């Protein structure tokens, strides 16, 4: 449905911004966008849940075809995973630059 496409486009915009900032951090070594990257990744997590819920609502109202359900769910889950990979790039870079033990950037503030 048009509403589903709009939802996916909105999530794609967030994931694109997240990827751009993470890759810019990687290319320049500049950590100033770490909090923005963290916030964007949190937003992708929230969007995955809300978009799945909204899609189920559309299905129950007959606004979307059931055949599209798996594709929509896979697409939204895949975008969320891209967000996870992007934040891992940023956290790995932060850990390398700050000589922090791997895996601690997720709970540490720069």
PDB file of N, CA and C in Angstrom:
ATOM      1  N   UNK A   1       0.838  -1.189   0.000  1.00  0.00           N
ATOM      2  CA  UNK A   1       0.000   0.000   0.000  1.00  0.00           C
ATOM      3  C   UNK A   1       0.880   1.248   0.000  1.00  0.00           C
ATOM      4  N   UNK A   2       0.278   2.356  -0.330  1.00  0.00           N
ATOM      5  CA  UNK A   2       1.006   3.634  -0.332  1.00  0.00           C
ATOM      6  C   UNK A   2       1.518   3.969   1.061  1.00  0.00           C
ATOM      7  N   UNK A   3       0.732   3.637   2.062  1.00  0.00           N
ATOM      8  CA  UNK A   3       1.139   3.901   3.446  1.00  0.00           C
ATOM      9  C   UNK A   3       2.367   3.064   3.825  1.00  0.00           C
ATOM     10  N   UNK A   4       2.398   1.815   3.392  1.00  0.00           N
ATOM     11  CA  UNK A   4       3.554   0.947   3.654  1.00  0.00           C
ATOM     12  C   UNK A   4       4.805   1.507   2.993  1.00  0.00           C
ATOM     13  N   UNK A   5       4.655   1.957   1.749  1.00  0.00           N
ATOM     14  CA  UNK A   5       5.793   2.531   1.026  1.00  0.00           C
ATOM     15  C   UNK A   5       6.310   3.778   1.734  1.00  0.00           C
ATOM     16  N   UNK A   6       5.393   4.600   2.212  1.00  0.00           N
ATOM     17  CA  UNK A   6       5.785   5.816   2.936  1.00  0.00           C
ATOM     18  C   UNK A   6       6.535   5.454   4.217  1.00  0.00           C
ATOM     19  N   UNK A   7       6.049   4.447   4.942  1.00  0.00           N
ATOM     20  CA  UNK A   7       6.718   4.000   6.167  1.00  0.00           C
ATOM     21  C   UNK A   7       8.137   3.518   5.883  1.00  0.00           C
ATOM     22  N   UNK A   8       8.276   2.685   4.848  1.00  0.00           N
ATOM     23  CA  UNK A   8       9.597   2.149   4.501  1.00  0.00           C
ATOM     24  C   UNK A   8      10.519   3.278   4.063  1.00  0.00           C
ATOM     25  N   UNK A   9      10.008   4.224   3.286  1.00  0.00           N
ATOM     26  CA  UNK A   9      10.831   5.364   2.845  1.00  0.00           C
ATOM     27  C   UNK A   9      11.337   6.159   4.042  1.00  0.00           C
ATOM     28  N   UNK A  10      10.476   6.379   5.031  1.00  0.00           N
ATOM     29  CA  UNK A  10      10.905   7.101   6.228  1.00  0.00           C
ATOM     30  C   UNK A  10      12.003   6.368   6.974  1.00  0.00           C
ATOM     31  N   UNK A  11      11.862   5.051   7.105  1.00  0.00           N
ATOM     32  CA  UNK A  11      12.896   4.270   7.787  1.00  0.00           C
ATOM     33  C   UNK A  11      14.179   4.261   6.965  1.00  0.00           C
ATOM     34  N   UNK A  12      14.047   4.168   5.649  1.00  0.00           N
ATOM     35  CA  UNK A  12      15.217   4.187   4.778  1.00  0.00           C
ATOM     36  C   UNK A  12      15.983   5.501   4.914  1.00  0.00           C
ATOM     37  N   UNK A  13      15.279   6.609   5.050  1.00  0.00           N
ATOM     38  CA  UNK A  13      15.933   7.908   5.246  1.00  0.00           C
ATOM     39  C   UNK A  13      16.757   7.919   6.537  1.00  0.00           C
ATOM     40  N   UNK A  14      16.210   7.351   7.605  1.00  0.00           N
ATOM     41  CA  UNK A  14      16.929   7.291   8.884  1.00  0.00           C
ATOM     42  C   UNK A  14      18.166   6.402   8.744  1.00  0.00           C
ATOM     43  N   UNK A  15      18.013   5.244   8.113  1.00  0.00           N
ATOM     44  CA  UNK A  15      19.140   4.318   7.944  1.00  0.00           C
ATOM     45  C   UNK A  15      20.208   4.941   7.050  1.00  0.00           C
ATOM     46  N   UNK A  16      19.799   5.653   5.997  1.00  0.00           N
ATOM     47  CA  UNK A  16      20.777   6.333   5.137  1.00  0.00           C
ATOM     48  C   UNK A  16      21.577   7.368   5.917  1.00  0.00           C
ATOM     49  N   UNK A  17      20.920   8.152   6.756  1.00  0.00           N
ATOM     50  CA  UNK A  17      21.627   9.142   7.577  1.00  0.00           C
ATOM     51  C   UNK A  17      22.582   8.452   8.544  1.00  0.00           C
ATOM     52  N   UNK A  18      22.147   7.365   9.121  1.00  0.00           N
ATOM     53  CA  UNK A  18      22.984   6.591  10.038  1.00  0.00           C
ATOM     54  C   UNK A  18      24.220   6.058   9.326  1.00  0.00           C
ATOM     55  N   UNK A  19      24.026   5.471   8.149  1.00  0.00           N
ATOM     56  CA  UNK A  19      25.163   4.947   7.381  1.00  0.00           C
ATOM     57  C   UNK A  19      26.117   6.070   6.980  1.00  0.00           C
ATOM     58  N   UNK A  20      25.568   7.180   6.516  1.00  0.00           N
ATOM     59  CA  UNK A  20      26.422   8.293   6.100  1.00  0.00           C
ATOM     60  C   UNK A  20      27.284   8.782   7.259  1.00  0.00           C
ATOM     61  N   UNK A  21      26.676   8.983   8.415  1.00  0.00           N
ATOM     62  CA  UNK A  21      27.440   9.464   9.568  1.00  0.00           C
ATOM     63  C   UNK A  21      28.478   8.447  10.018  1.00  0.00           C
ATOM     64  N   UNK A  22      28.121   7.179  10.045  1.00  0.00           N
ATOM     65  CA  UNK A  22      29.076   6.144  10.460  1.00  0.00           C
ATOM     66  C   UNK A  22      30.248   6.061   9.493  1.00  0.00           C
ATOM     67  N   UNK A  23      29.955   6.093   8.207  1.00  0.00           N
ATOM     68  CA  UNK A  23      31.027   6.013   7.217  1.00  0.00           C
ATOM     69  C   UNK A  23      31.872   7.278   7.203  1.00  0.00           C
ATOM     70  N   UNK A  24      31.259   8.438   7.444  1.00  0.00           N
ATOM     71  CA  UNK A  24      32.037   9.676   7.575  1.00  0.00           C
ATOM     72  C   UNK A  24      32.980   9.589   8.771  1.00  0.00           C
ATOM     73  N   UNK A  25      32.482   9.040   9.876  1.00  0.00           N
ATOM     74  CA  UNK A  25      33.336   8.858  11.054  1.00  0.00           C
ATOM     75  C   UNK A  25      34.504   7.944  10.717  1.00  0.00           C
ATOM     76  N   UNK A  26      34.218   6.880   9.994  1.00  0.00           N
ATOM     77  CA  UNK A  26      35.266   5.935   9.612  1.00  0.00           C
ATOM     78  C   UNK A  26      36.295   6.604   8.705  1.00  0.00           C
ATOM     79  N   UNK A  27      35.819   7.391   7.740  1.00  0.00           N
ATOM     80  CA  UNK A  27      36.710   8.028   6.776  1.00  0.00           C
ATOM     81  C   UNK A  27      37.563   9.122   7.400  1.00  0.00           C
ATOM     82  N   UNK A  28      36.996   9.859   8.359  1.00  0.00           N
ATOM     83  CA  UNK A  28      37.703  11.014   8.913  1.00  0.00           C
ATOM     84  C   UNK A  28      38.295  10.771  10.297  1.00  0.00           C
ATOM     85  N   UNK A  29      37.783   9.767  11.000  1.00  0.00           N
ATOM     86  CA  UNK A  29      38.222   9.535  12.376  1.00  0.00           C
ATOM     87  C   UNK A  29      37.622  10.516  13.363  1.00  0.00           C
ATOM     88  N   UNK A  30      36.674  11.327  12.910  1.00  0.00           N
ATOM     89  CA  UNK A  30      36.035  12.344  13.738  1.00  0.00           C
ATOM     90  C   UNK A  30      34.887  11.717  14.523  1.00  0.00           C
ATOM     91  N   UNK A  31      34.950  11.814  15.838  1.00  0.00           N
ATOM     92  CA  UNK A  31      33.960  11.178  16.709  1.00  0.00           C
ATOM     93  C   UNK A  31      32.795  12.096  17.085  1.00  0.00           C
ATOM     94  N   UNK A  32      32.737  13.296  16.507  1.00  0.00           N
ATOM     95  CA  UNK A  32      31.715  14.256  16.936  1.00  0.00           C
ATOM     96  C   UNK A  32      30.285  13.796  16.651  1.00  0.00           C
ATOM     97  N   UNK A  33      30.109  12.861  15.745  1.00  0.00           N
ATOM     98  CA  UNK A  33      28.759  12.403  15.401  1.00  0.00           C
ATOM     99  C   UNK A  33      28.353  11.123  16.128  1.00  0.00           C
ATOM    100  N   UNK A  34      29.144  10.679  17.104  1.00  0.00           N
ATOM    101  CA  UNK A  34      28.846   9.408  17.764  1.00  0.00           C
ATOM    102  C   UNK A  34      27.477   9.416  18.435  1.00  0.00           C
ATOM    103  N   UNK A  35      27.143  10.476  19.134  1.00  0.00           N
ATOM    104  CA  UNK A  35      25.836  10.526  19.804  1.00  0.00           C
ATOM    105  C   UNK A  35      24.694  10.591  18.795  1.00  0.00           C
ATOM    106  N   UNK A  36      24.910  11.298  17.703  1.00  0.00           N
ATOM    107  CA  UNK A  36      23.887  11.349  16.654  1.00  0.00           C
ATOM    108  C   UNK A  36      23.685   9.962  16.040  1.00  0.00           C
ATOM    109  N   UNK A  37      24.784   9.256  15.809  1.00  0.00           N
ATOM    110  CA  UNK A  37      24.707   7.896  15.275  1.00  0.00           C
ATOM    111  C   UNK A  37      23.958   6.995  16.247  1.00  0.00           C
ATOM    112  N   UNK A  38      24.278   7.129  17.510  1.00  0.00           N
ATOM    113  CA  UNK A  38      23.599   6.323  18.539  1.00  0.00           C
ATOM    114  C   UNK A  38      22.090   6.616  18.540  1.00  0.00           C
ATOM    115  N   UNK A  39      21.721   7.887  18.441  1.00  0.00           N
ATOM    116  CA  UNK A  39      20.304   8.268  18.429  1.00  0.00           C
ATOM    117  C   UNK A  39      19.598   7.753  17.173  1.00  0.00           C
ATOM    118  N   UNK A  40      20.279   7.823  16.036  1.00  0.00           N
ATOM    119  CA  UNK A  40      19.685   7.318  14.798  1.00  0.00           C
ATOM    120  C   UNK A  40      19.481   5.807  14.859  1.00  0.00           C
ATOM    121  N   UNK A  41      20.415   5.096  15.459  1.00  0.00           N
ATOM    122  CA  UNK A  41      20.255   3.642  15.568  1.00  0.00           C
ATOM    123  C   UNK A  41      19.115   3.305  16.511  1.00  0.00           C
ATOM    124  N   UNK A  42      18.999   4.049  17.598  1.00  0.00           N
ATOM    125  CA  UNK A  42      17.849   3.855  18.495  1.00  0.00           C
ATOM    126  C   UNK A  42      16.545   4.094  17.741  1.00  0.00           C
ATOM    127  N   UNK A  43      16.560   5.097  16.881  1.00  0.00           N
ATOM    128  CA  UNK A  43      15.359   5.399  16.091  1.00  0.00           C
ATOM    129  C   UNK A  43      15.024   4.247  15.143  1.00  0.00           C
ATOM    130  N   UNK A  44      16.039   3.607  14.533  1.00  0.00           N
ATOM    131  CA  UNK A  44      15.748   2.478  13.641  1.00  0.00           C
ATOM    132  C   UNK A  44      15.116   1.328  14.420  1.00  0.00           C
ATOM    133  N   UNK A  45      15.578   1.112  15.652  1.00  0.00           N
ATOM    134  CA  UNK A  45      14.973   0.064  16.489  1.00  0.00           C
ATOM    135  C   UNK A  45      13.501   0.374  16.761  1.00  0.00           C
ATOM    136  N   UNK A  46      13.227   1.627  17.096  1.00  0.00           N
ATOM    137  CA  UNK A  46      11.844   2.047  17.364  1.00  0.00           C
ATOM    138  C   UNK A  46      10.979   1.931  16.111  1.00  0.00           C
ATOM    139  N   UNK A  47      11.551   2.334  14.975  1.00  0.00           N
ATOM    140  CA  UNK A  47      10.799   2.271  13.724  1.00  0.00           C
ATOM    141  C   UNK A  47      10.461   0.838  13.337  1.00  0.00           C
ATOM    142  N   UNK A  48      11.396  -0.073  13.551  1.00  0.00           N
ATOM    143  CA  UNK A  48      11.105  -1.471  13.211  1.00  0.00           C
ATOM    144  C   UNK A  48       9.851  -1.943  13.947  1.00  0.00           C
ATOM    145  N   UNK A  49       9.795  -1.668  15.222  1.00  0.00           N
ATOM    146  CA  UNK A  49       8.648  -2.102  16.031  1.00  0.00           C
ATOM    147  C   UNK A  49       7.369  -1.395  15.582  1.00  0.00           C
ATOM    148  N   UNK A  50       7.430  -0.077  15.443  1.00  0.00           N
ATOM    149  CA  UNK A  50       6.207   0.660  15.099  1.00  0.00           C
ATOM    150  C   UNK A  50       5.733   0.340  13.685  1.00  0.00           C
ATOM    151  N   UNK A  51       6.658   0.169  12.742  1.00  0.00           N
ATOM    152  CA  UNK A  51       6.246  -0.157  11.380  1.00  0.00           C
ATOM    153  C   UNK A  51       5.632  -1.550  11.297  1.00  0.00           C
ATOM    154  N   UNK A  52       6.194  -2.498  12.045  1.00  0.00           N
ATOM    155  CA  UNK A  52       5.604  -3.845  12.069  1.00  0.00           C
ATOM    156  C   UNK A  52       4.199  -3.776  12.663  1.00  0.00           C
ATOM    157  N   UNK A  53       4.041  -3.030  13.744  1.00  0.00           N
ATOM    158  CA  UNK A  53       2.722  -2.890  14.377  1.00  0.00           C
ATOM    159  C   UNK A  53       1.718  -2.228  13.428  1.00  0.00           C
ATOM    160  N   UNK A  54       2.166  -1.174  12.756  1.00  0.00           N
ATOM    161  CA  UNK A  54       1.275  -0.480  11.822  1.00  0.00           C
ATOM    162  C   UNK A  54       0.894  -1.374  10.652  1.00  0.00           C
ATOM    163  N   UNK A  55       1.833  -2.204  10.207  1.00  0.00           N
ATOM    164  CA  UNK A  55       1.536  -3.113   9.101  1.00  0.00           C
ATOM    165  C   UNK A  55       0.495  -4.154   9.521  1.00  0.00           C
ATOM    166  N   UNK A  56       0.634  -4.671  10.722  1.00  0.00           N
ATOM    167  CA  UNK A  56      -0.356  -5.624  11.230  1.00  0.00           C
ATOM    168  C   UNK A  56      -1.730  -4.961  11.299  1.00  0.00           C
ATOM    169  N   UNK A  57      -1.759  -3.711  11.723  1.00  0.00           N
ATOM    170  CA  UNK A  57      -3.025  -2.975  11.771  1.00  0.00           C
ATOM    171  C   UNK A  57      -3.624  -2.838  10.372  1.00  0.00           C
ATOM    172  N   UNK A  58      -2.783  -2.494   9.384  1.00  0.00           N
ATOM    173  CA  UNK A  58      -3.276  -2.368   8.009  1.00  0.00           C
ATOM    174  C   UNK A  58      -3.802  -3.703   7.492  1.00  0.00           C
ATOM    175  N   UNK A  59      -3.102  -4.787   7.832  1.00  0.00           N
ATOM    176  CA  UNK A  59      -3.567  -6.118   7.424  1.00  0.00           C
ATOM    177  C   UNK A  59      -4.936  -6.423   8.013  1.00  0.00           C
ATOM    178  N   UNK A  60      -5.099  -6.129   9.291  1.00  0.00           N
ATOM    179  CA  UNK A  60      -6.373  -6.428   9.954  1.00  0.00           C
ATOM    180  C   UNK A  60      -7.518  -5.573   9.407  1.00  0.00           C
ATOM    181  N   UNK A  61      -7.175  -4.406   8.865  1.00  0.00           N
ATOM    182  CA  UNK A  61      -8.191  -3.525   8.282  1.00  0.00           C
ATOM    183  C   UNK A  61      -8.403  -3.796   6.791  1.00  0.00           C
ATOM    184  N   UNK A  62      -7.636  -4.753   6.238  1.00  0.00           N
ATOM    185  CA  UNK A  62      -7.770  -5.089   4.824  1.00  0.00           C
ATOM    186  C   UNK A  62      -7.135  -4.090   3.883  1.00  0.00           C
ATOM    187  N   UNK A  63      -6.249  -3.237   4.388  1.00  0.00           N
ATOM    188  CA  UNK A  63      -5.605  -2.216   3.560  1.00  0.00           C
ATOM    189  C   UNK A  63      -4.389  -2.751   2.812  1.00  0.00           C
ATOM    190  N   UNK A  64      -3.852  -3.892   3.256  1.00  0.00           N
ATOM    191  CA  UNK A  64      -2.685  -4.500   2.625  1.00  0.00           C
ATOM    192  C   UNK A  64      -2.981  -5.966   2.346  1.00  0.00           C
ATOM    193  N   UNK A  65      -2.354  -6.469   1.298  1.00  0.00           N
ATOM    194  CA  UNK A  65      -2.507  -7.882   0.954  1.00  0.00           C
ATOM    195  C   UNK A  65      -1.624  -8.726   1.860  1.00  0.00           C
ATOM    196  N   UNK A  66      -2.140  -9.851   2.278  1.00  0.00           N
ATOM    197  CA  UNK A  66      -1.379 -10.753   3.136  1.00  0.00           C
ATOM    198  C   UNK A  66      -0.110 -11.254   2.479  1.00  0.00           C
ATOM    199  N   UNK A  67      -0.123 -11.380   1.145  1.00  0.00           N
ATOM    200  CA  UNK A  67       1.061 -11.868   0.424  1.00  0.00           C
ATOM    201  C   UNK A  67       2.255 -10.927   0.592  1.00  0.00           C
ATOM    202  N   UNK A  68       1.987  -9.662   0.800  1.00  0.00           N
ATOM    203  CA  UNK A  68       3.061  -8.676   0.944  1.00  0.00           C
ATOM    204  C   UNK A  68       3.636  -8.646   2.352  1.00  0.00           C
ATOM    205  N   UNK A  69       2.999  -9.332   3.264  1.00  0.00           N
ATOM    206  CA  UNK A  69       3.374  -9.248   4.671  1.00  0.00           C
ATOM    207  C   UNK A  69       4.800  -9.712   4.936  1.00  0.00           C
ATOM    208  N   UNK A  70       5.171 -10.855   4.365  1.00  0.00           N
ATOM    209  CA  UNK A  70       6.518 -11.388   4.594  1.00  0.00           C
ATOM    210  C   UNK A  70       7.561 -10.451   4.008  1.00  0.00           C
ATOM    211  N   UNK A  71       7.317  -9.953   2.806  1.00  0.00           N
ATOM    212  CA  UNK A  71       8.271  -9.036   2.172  1.00  0.00           C
ATOM    213  C   UNK A  71       8.439  -7.762   2.987  1.00  0.00           C
ATOM    214  N   UNK A  72       7.339  -7.205   3.456  1.00  0.00           N
ATOM    215  CA  UNK A  72       7.400  -5.989   4.263  1.00  0.00           C
ATOM    216  C   UNK A  72       8.195  -6.246   5.538  1.00  0.00           C
ATOM    217  N   UNK A  73       7.881  -7.329   6.214  1.00  0.00           N
ATOM    218  CA  UNK A  73       8.559  -7.663   7.466  1.00  0.00           C
ATOM    219  C   UNK A  73      10.052  -7.884   7.243  1.00  0.00           C
ATOM    220  N   UNK A  74      10.394  -8.612   6.179  1.00  0.00           N
ATOM    221  CA  UNK A  74      11.806  -8.853   5.868  1.00  0.00           C
ATOM    222  C   UNK A  74      12.530  -7.551   5.551  1.00  0.00           C
ATOM    223  N   UNK A  75      11.886  -6.674   4.810  1.00  0.00           N
ATOM    224  CA  UNK A  75      12.499  -5.399   4.440  1.00  0.00           C
ATOM    225  C   UNK A  75      12.768  -4.536   5.665  1.00  0.00           C
ATOM    226  N   UNK A  76      11.780  -4.413   6.533  1.00  0.00           N
ATOM    227  CA  UNK A  76      11.930  -3.596   7.736  1.00  0.00           C
ATOM    228  C   UNK A  76      12.990  -4.195   8.663  1.00  0.00           C
ATOM    229  N   UNK A  77      12.981  -5.511   8.821  1.00  0.00           N
ATOM    230  CA  UNK A  77      13.995  -6.171   9.660  1.00  0.00           C
ATOM    231  C   UNK A  77      15.386  -6.002   9.066  1.00  0.00           C
ATOM    232  N   UNK A  78      15.481  -6.092   7.740  1.00  0.00           N
ATOM    233  CA  UNK A  78      16.769  -5.905   7.078  1.00  0.00           C
ATOM    234  C   UNK A  78      17.314  -4.502   7.262  1.00  0.00           C
ATOM    235  N   UNK A  79      16.448  -3.503   7.169  1.00  0.00           N
ATOM    236  CA  UNK A  79      16.889  -2.125   7.395  1.00  0.00           C
ATOM    237  C   UNK A  79      17.377  -1.932   8.824  1.00  0.00           C
ATOM    238  N   UNK A  80      16.696  -2.554   9.767  1.00  0.00           N
ATOM    239  CA  UNK A  80      17.135  -2.448  11.165  1.00  0.00           C
ATOM    240  C   UNK A  80      18.507  -3.089  11.336  1.00  0.00           C
ATOM    241  N   UNK A  81      18.755  -4.192  10.652  1.00  0.00           N
ATOM    242  CA  UNK A  81      20.066  -4.852  10.727  1.00  0.00           C
ATOM    243  C   UNK A  81      21.157  -3.986  10.113  1.00  0.00           C
ATOM    244  N   UNK A  82      20.843  -3.283   9.033  1.00  0.00           N
ATOM    245  CA  UNK A  82      21.806  -2.343   8.446  1.00  0.00           C
ATOM    246  C   UNK A  82      22.165  -1.283   9.479  1.00  0.00           C
ATOM    247  N   UNK A  83      21.164  -0.804  10.211  1.00  0.00           N
ATOM    248  CA  UNK A  83      21.420   0.153  11.288  1.00  0.00           C
ATOM    249  C   UNK A  83      22.331  -0.422  12.351  1.00  0.00           C
ATOM    250  N   UNK A  84      22.125  -1.690  12.702  1.00  0.00           N
ATOM    251  CA  UNK A  84      23.002  -2.348  13.673  1.00  0.00           C
ATOM    252  C   UNK A  84      24.442  -2.394  13.169  1.00  0.00           C
ATOM    253  N   UNK A  85      24.614  -2.719  11.892  1.00  0.00           N
ATOM    254  CA  UNK A  85      25.971  -2.776  11.331  1.00  0.00           C
ATOM    255  C   UNK A  85      26.615  -1.390  11.323  1.00  0.00           C
ATOM    256  N   UNK A  86      25.831  -0.377  11.003  1.00  0.00           N
ATOM    257  CA  UNK A  86      26.365   0.987  10.973  1.00  0.00           C
ATOM    258  C   UNK A  86      26.825   1.429  12.356  1.00  0.00           C
ATOM    259  N   UNK A  87      26.049   1.128  13.383  1.00  0.00           N
ATOM    260  CA  UNK A  87      26.454   1.523  14.737  1.00  0.00           C
ATOM    261  C   UNK A  87      27.676   0.729  15.173  1.00  0.00           C
ATOM    262  N   UNK A  88      27.788  -0.514  14.728  1.00  0.00           N
ATOM    263  CA  UNK A  88      28.972  -1.304  15.057  1.00  0.00           C
ATOM    264  C   UNK A  88      30.231  -0.698  14.454  1.00  0.00           C
ATOM    265  N   UNK A  89      30.119  -0.135  13.256  1.00  0.00           N
ATOM    266  CA  UNK A  89      31.258   0.562  12.654  1.00  0.00           C
ATOM    267  C   UNK A  89      31.672   1.729  13.545  1.00  0.00           C
ATOM    268  N   UNK A  90      30.696   2.531  13.947  1.00  0.00           N
ATOM    269  CA  UNK A  90      30.985   3.706  14.779  1.00  0.00           C
ATOM    270  C   UNK A  90      31.567   3.299  16.128  1.00  0.00           C
ATOM    271  N   UNK A  91      30.982   2.305  16.776  1.00  0.00           N
ATOM    272  CA  UNK A  91      31.479   1.863  18.082  1.00  0.00           C
ATOM    273  C   UNK A  91      32.876   1.259  17.970  1.00  0.00           C
ATOM    274  N   UNK A  92      33.130   0.490  16.933  1.00  0.00           N
ATOM    275  CA  UNK A  92      34.460  -0.099  16.751  1.00  0.00           C
ATOM    276  C   UNK A  92      35.508   0.979  16.565  1.00  0.00           C
ATOM    277  N   UNK A  93      35.161   1.997  15.805  1.00  0.00           N
ATOM    278  CA  UNK A  93      36.087   3.110  15.603  1.00  0.00           C
ATOM    279  C   UNK A  93      36.337   3.841  16.912  1.00  0.00           C
ATOM    280  N   UNK A  94      35.279   4.099  17.672  1.00  0.00           N
ATOM    281  CA  UNK A  94      35.418   4.754  18.968  1.00  0.00           C
ATOM    282  C   UNK A  94      36.312   3.934  19.892  1.00  0.00           C
ATOM    283  N   UNK A  95      36.078   2.630  19.938  1.00  0.00           N
ATOM    284  CA  UNK A  95      36.880   1.759  20.801  1.00  0.00           C
ATOM    285  C   UNK A  95      38.349   1.775  20.394  1.00  0.00           C
ATOM    286  N   UNK A  96      38.615   1.764  19.092  1.00  0.00           N
ATOM    287  CA  UNK A  96      39.996   1.783  18.611  1.00  0.00           C
ATOM    288  C   UNK A  96      40.677   3.107  18.948  1.00  0.00           C
ATOM    289  N   UNK A  97      39.973   4.208  18.773  1.00  0.00           N
ATOM    290  CA  UNK A  97      40.565   5.523  19.037  1.00  0.00           C
ATOM    291  C   UNK A  97      40.743   5.800  20.524  1.00  0.00           C
ATOM    292  N   UNK A  98      39.846   5.267  21.345  1.00  0.00           N
ATOM    293  CA  UNK A  98      39.911   5.545  22.781  1.00  0.00           C
ATOM    294  C   UNK A  98      40.587   4.423  23.562  1.00  0.00           C
ATOM    295  N   UNK A  99      41.057   3.412  22.832  1.00  0.00           N
ATOM    296  CA  UNK A  99      41.708   2.253  23.452  1.00  0.00           C
ATOM    297  C   UNK A  99      40.806   1.616  24.510  1.00  0.00           C
ATOM    298  N   UNK A 100      39.528   1.571  24.192  1.00  0.00           N
ATOM    299  CA  UNK A 100      38.529   0.973  25.067  1.00  0.00           C
ATOM    300  C   UNK A 100      38.400  -0.502  24.717  1.00  0.00           C
ATOM    301  N   UNK A 101      38.106  -1.296  25.717  1.00  0.00           N
ATOM    302  CA  UNK A 101      37.932  -2.723  25.488  1.00  0.00           C
ATOM    303  C   UNK A 101      36.761  -2.953  24.533  1.00  0.00           C
ATOM    304  N   UNK A 102      36.915  -3.839  23.530  1.00  0.00           N
ATOM    305  CA  UNK A 102      35.833  -4.098  22.580  1.00  0.00           C
ATOM    306  C   UNK A 102      34.529  -4.456  23.280  1.00  0.00           C
ATOM    307  N   UNK A 103      33.435  -3.880  22.773  1.00  0.00           N
ATOM    308  CA  UNK A 103      32.114  -4.162  23.308  1.00  0.00           C
ATOM    309  C   UNK A 103      31.657  -3.201  24.384  1.00  0.00           C
ATOM    310  N   UNK A 104      32.538  -2.325  24.854  1.00  0.00           N
ATOM    311  CA  UNK A 104      32.153  -1.419  25.936  1.00  0.00           C
ATOM    312  C   UNK A 104      31.580  -0.103  25.431  1.00  0.00           C
ATOM    313  N   UNK A 105      31.768   0.219  24.159  1.00  0.00           N
ATOM    314  CA  UNK A 105      31.270   1.496  23.633  1.00  0.00           C
ATOM    315  C   UNK A 105      29.755   1.574  23.695  1.00  0.00           C
ATOM    316  N   UNK A 106      29.081   0.451  23.674  1.00  0.00           N
ATOM    317  CA  UNK A 106      27.627   0.472  23.689  1.00  0.00           C
ATOM    318  C   UNK A 106      27.085   1.009  25.003  1.00  0.00           C
ATOM    319  N   UNK A 107      27.881   0.922  26.061  1.00  0.00           N
ATOM    320  CA  UNK A 107      27.410   1.413  27.350  1.00  0.00           C
ATOM    321  C   UNK A 107      28.198   2.632  27.818  1.00  0.00           C
ATOM    322  N   UNK A 108      29.299   2.927  27.147  1.00  0.00           N
ATOM    323  CA  UNK A 108      30.145   4.048  27.556  1.00  0.00           C
ATOM    324  C   UNK A 108      29.765   5.301  26.787  1.00  0.00           C
ATOM    325  N   UNK A 109      29.916   6.423  27.399  1.00  0.00           N
ATOM    326  CA  UNK A 109      29.741   7.713  26.734  1.00  0.00           C
ATOM    327  C   UNK A 109      31.130   8.229  26.383  1.00  0.00           C
ATOM    328  N   UNK A 110      31.277   8.867  25.213  1.00  0.00           N
ATOM    329  CA  UNK A 110      32.604   9.390  24.830  1.00  0.00           C
ATOM    330  C   UNK A 110      33.039  10.532  25.721  1.00  0.00           C
TER     331      UNK A 110
END
